[in-house]
Each structure stands twice: as C-alpha cells, then as structure tokens.
Amino acid sequence: MNIYFCGMIGTGKTSIGVKLAEDLGLDFYDLDRVMDKHLGYSFHKLVAEKGWLAFRELEYSICRDFAGKSNSIICLGGGTVRYDWNVDILRPTGKFILFEASIDALVERVSKADRPRVTAGVSLEEDLRIMYEQSHDKYLAAADIIYRTDIKTEAEEVEDIKKIIFSDPDFDELKRSCKAAADI
C-alpha cells in the first residue's frame, strides 16, 4: 500500500512528503523529480518544447511505475488526479490524501518557483483560480482524506498526517512497514 499526496501546485506535497517518509522510514517518490530524472532535464523544458500532452503521456507512464511500488509515500503532480486514467491505475495500490490551501497561500508559495503555466497569458493567481474552479471536483473525487496545509507549521502538519495514518485502520499494511510505529 502507498500513500499518494495529491493537490494543487504549492500545497506542500513534496515538503511534507519528504519529512514524513524520513520520519516513518518509508521510500519517497516525487512525480516531478522522477520525471526530471527520466528526461535528464527539467520537465519545464518538455512542456515548453512538446506541450502538455507529452507531459501527460510521460506522467501516466510514471504513475504505472508508482502503482508497482509498495509501502511508499508518493507525491503526485499538481494536475495528476485531474486525469481519470492516473487515478484508475493508482487507486488499487493506495490511499489518496488531498492537500488543500487557499489561493492566496498557493500564489505566495508558487511565486517563489519557476513553474510552467497551465493557462497561457494570465497571471499566476488567475491561473491557479482557473485550475481550482475547473478541477476541484476531480481532486475531491480522488481523495480518501482531505487535509488543509495553510493553517499550521510544516512540522505540525507532518505530525498531523502521522496521527491520521496511525489512527486509521485503512493504513494497517503500511503501518507494519514504518520504523516509527511505536513512537506514535
């Protein structure tokens, strides 16, 4: 069983995922990082040169690989669960935790990183609002658990996610693989 962190860009999937995996002694994978390693360059270049379709095709291939993993924390891309084929391949192999944050928090976080826009010709804030409005139902449909990431510190969020995992019997298989099971 895997834990799949999903949510819009800037919700903290990777930063929380890295720390949580470290604390629990689980393998960690990040879709963006895996894609960059596979390509040998930033996926931003792939999007710029070949478009979003090429990105989505590679994303699906990576999701198929993720579905073969077990007892891992896997951070999906901001748009991964907007495509049913990704959710369909991953659903039997884990639980989805949806991270949510306000648009203002996302703008603040994402403005610090150079990320390709989904909607060309609009501001970052407008791009995020459009994505949210068009895709929020898809995020909710994929989610087994919803967690807000713009209220507490990152350390508190990691501890909250640990408590969720160790209090939910759906995670029993994963818990047996955790080094920190006795600490919770």
Protein backbone atom coordinates (compact mmCIF):
# COMPACT_ATOMS: atom_id res chain seq x y z
CA MET A 1 0.00 0.00 0.00
CA ASN A 2 1.13 3.51 -0.84
CA ILE A 3 0.09 6.95 0.29
CA TYR A 4 -0.47 9.32 -2.61
CA PHE A 5 -0.32 13.01 -1.81
CA CYS A 6 -2.35 14.98 -4.32
CA GLY A 7 -3.49 18.57 -4.63
CA MET A 8 -2.78 21.72 -6.50
CA ILE A 9 0.69 23.02 -7.03
CA GLY A 10 2.01 24.70 -3.89
CA THR A 11 0.00 22.74 -1.34
CA GLY A 12 3.13 21.28 0.28
CA LYS A 13 3.00 17.74 -1.06
CA THR A 14 6.74 17.38 -1.56
CA SER A 15 7.97 19.23 1.52
CA ILE A 16 5.61 17.31 3.81
CA GLY A 17 6.19 14.05 1.93
CA VAL A 18 9.98 14.16 2.28
CA LYS A 19 9.81 14.74 6.02
CA LEU A 20 7.04 12.20 6.61
CA ALA A 21 8.84 9.47 4.66
CA GLU A 22 12.03 10.19 6.58
CA ASP A 23 10.24 10.05 9.93
CA LEU A 24 8.44 6.80 9.07
CA GLY A 25 11.35 5.11 7.32
CA LEU A 26 9.39 4.70 4.08
CA ASP A 27 10.50 5.15 0.49
CA PHE A 28 9.67 8.53 -1.02
CA TYR A 29 8.95 9.38 -4.65
CA ASP A 30 8.01 12.69 -6.21
CA LEU A 31 6.49 12.66 -9.69
CA ASP A 32 8.20 15.87 -10.82
CA ARG A 33 11.61 14.64 -9.65
CA VAL A 34 11.14 11.21 -11.21
CA MET A 35 10.10 12.85 -14.46
CA ASP A 36 13.14 15.15 -14.47
CA LYS A 37 15.43 12.18 -13.80
CA HIS A 38 13.81 10.18 -16.60
CA LEU A 39 14.13 13.07 -19.05
CA GLY A 40 17.61 14.13 -17.98
CA TYR A 41 16.37 17.71 -17.80
CA SER A 42 13.53 19.72 -16.24
CA PHE A 43 10.01 18.79 -17.23
CA HIS A 44 9.54 22.53 -17.81
CA LYS A 45 11.61 22.11 -20.97
CA LEU A 46 9.42 19.20 -22.08
CA VAL A 47 6.29 21.33 -21.66
CA ALA A 48 7.89 24.28 -23.49
CA GLU A 49 9.14 22.18 -26.41
CA LYS A 50 6.49 19.48 -26.79
CA GLY A 51 3.48 20.75 -24.84
CA TRP A 52 1.31 19.42 -22.07
CA LEU A 53 0.22 16.30 -23.98
CA ALA A 54 3.79 14.96 -23.97
CA PHE A 55 3.97 15.74 -20.26
CA ARG A 56 0.70 13.90 -19.55
CA GLU A 57 1.83 10.84 -21.51
CA LEU A 58 5.05 10.61 -19.50
CA GLU A 59 3.13 11.30 -16.29
CA TYR A 60 0.87 8.30 -16.98
CA SER A 61 3.89 6.08 -17.59
CA ILE A 62 5.37 7.15 -14.25
CA CYS A 63 2.04 6.55 -12.50
CA ARG A 64 2.06 2.99 -13.86
CA ASP A 65 5.52 2.58 -12.29
CA PHE A 66 4.28 4.05 -8.99
CA ALA A 67 1.42 1.53 -8.95
CA GLY A 68 4.08 -1.18 -8.77
CA LYS A 69 5.61 0.27 -5.60
CA SER A 70 4.56 -0.63 -2.08
CA ASN A 71 4.77 1.00 1.32
CA SER A 72 5.87 4.32 -0.13
CA ILE A 73 4.91 7.94 0.14
CA ILE A 74 4.38 9.28 -3.35
CA CYS A 75 3.81 12.91 -4.22
CA LEU A 76 1.86 13.35 -7.41
CA GLY A 77 1.98 16.36 -9.68
CA GLY A 78 -0.46 19.19 -9.18
CA GLY A 79 -2.61 18.01 -12.06
CA THR A 80 -2.14 14.24 -11.89
CA VAL A 81 -5.54 13.41 -10.39
CA ARG A 82 -7.34 15.65 -12.87
CA TYR A 83 -6.96 12.74 -15.31
CA ASP A 84 -9.03 9.66 -14.52
CA TRP A 85 -6.53 7.27 -16.11
CA ASN A 86 -3.95 8.22 -13.48
CA VAL A 87 -6.37 7.75 -10.59
CA ASP A 88 -7.62 4.47 -12.06
CA ILE A 89 -4.10 2.99 -12.21
CA LEU A 90 -3.15 4.19 -8.71
CA ARG A 91 -6.40 3.66 -6.76
CA PRO A 92 -5.96 -0.11 -6.19
CA THR A 93 -2.47 0.42 -4.75
CA GLY A 94 -3.00 3.07 -2.10
CA LYS A 95 -4.89 5.87 -0.45
CA PHE A 96 -5.04 9.47 -1.64
CA ILE A 97 -4.54 12.34 0.78
CA LEU A 98 -5.64 15.60 -0.79
CA PHE A 99 -3.80 18.68 0.40
CA GLU A 100 -5.72 21.93 0.14
CA ALA A 101 -4.72 25.54 0.75
CA SER A 102 -6.18 28.96 -0.05
CA ILE A 103 -5.46 30.54 -3.41
CA ASP A 104 -3.56 33.33 -1.60
CA ALA A 105 -1.30 30.76 0.09
CA LEU A 106 -0.75 28.97 -3.23
CA VAL A 107 0.15 32.22 -5.02
CA GLU A 108 2.66 33.07 -2.29
CA ARG A 109 4.28 29.63 -2.42
CA VAL A 110 4.25 29.11 -6.20
CA SER A 111 5.54 32.62 -6.98
CA LYS A 112 8.85 31.52 -5.43
CA ALA A 113 9.28 28.77 -8.05
CA ASP A 114 9.52 28.97 -11.82
CA ARG A 115 6.70 26.69 -12.92
CA PRO A 116 5.05 26.43 -16.35
CA ARG A 117 1.56 27.88 -16.53
CA VAL A 118 -1.39 25.73 -17.47
CA THR A 119 -3.35 28.69 -18.81
CA ALA A 120 -1.17 30.88 -21.02
CA GLY A 121 -1.45 34.63 -20.91
CA VAL A 122 -2.89 35.01 -17.42
CA SER A 123 -1.46 35.97 -14.05
CA LEU A 124 -0.34 33.26 -11.63
CA GLU A 125 -3.31 33.98 -9.37
CA GLU A 126 -5.76 33.74 -12.26
CA ASP A 127 -4.12 30.53 -13.50
CA LEU A 128 -4.49 28.97 -10.04
CA ARG A 129 -8.12 30.12 -9.74
CA ILE A 130 -8.96 28.66 -13.15
CA MET A 131 -7.33 25.33 -12.24
CA TYR A 132 -9.17 25.27 -8.93
CA GLU A 133 -12.56 26.07 -10.44
CA GLN A 134 -12.17 23.60 -13.29
CA SER A 135 -10.65 20.76 -11.28
CA HIS A 136 -11.72 20.94 -7.64
CA ASP A 137 -14.35 18.24 -8.15
CA LYS A 138 -11.68 15.92 -9.60
CA TYR A 139 -9.44 16.46 -6.56
CA LEU A 140 -12.33 15.74 -4.20
CA ALA A 141 -13.35 12.62 -6.15
CA ALA A 142 -9.83 11.20 -5.87
CA ALA A 143 -9.43 12.00 -2.16
CA ASP A 144 -9.75 9.43 0.57
CA ILE A 145 -8.68 12.04 3.13
CA ILE A 146 -8.61 15.84 2.86
CA TYR A 147 -6.03 17.84 4.81
CA ARG A 148 -5.60 21.62 4.96
CA THR A 149 -1.96 22.83 4.62
CA ASP A 150 -2.20 26.56 5.19
CA ILE A 151 -3.06 26.76 8.87
CA LYS A 152 -0.23 25.10 10.80
CA THR A 153 3.52 24.90 10.53
CA GLU A 154 5.02 22.21 8.32
CA ALA A 155 6.25 20.30 11.39
CA GLU A 156 2.73 20.31 12.86
CA GLU A 157 1.32 19.15 9.53
CA VAL A 158 3.74 16.22 9.40
CA GLU A 159 2.71 15.21 12.93
CA ASP A 160 -0.98 15.51 11.99
CA ILE A 161 -0.51 13.28 8.95
CA LYS A 162 1.30 10.71 11.11
CA LYS A 163 -1.63 10.70 13.54
CA ILE A 164 -4.08 10.24 10.67
CA ILE A 165 -2.08 7.28 9.34
CA PHE A 166 -1.68 5.59 12.71
CA SER A 167 -5.31 6.06 13.75
CA ASP A 168 -6.88 4.80 10.50
CA PRO A 169 -7.18 1.01 10.06
CA ASP A 170 -7.05 1.50 6.27
CA PHE A 171 -3.32 2.12 6.72
CA ASP A 172 -2.59 -1.06 8.73
CA GLU A 173 -0.50 -2.63 5.96
CA LEU A 174 1.62 0.49 5.62
CA LYS A 175 1.99 0.87 9.40
CA ARG A 176 3.70 -2.51 9.63
CA SER A 177 6.48 -1.13 7.39
CA CYS A 178 7.06 2.03 9.40
CA LYS A 179 10.08 2.34 11.62
CA ALA A 180 8.28 4.83 13.86
CA ALA A 181 5.10 2.83 14.55
CA ALA A 182 5.90 2.54 18.24
CA ASP A 183 6.59 6.27 18.54
CA ILE A 184 3.08 7.39 17.63
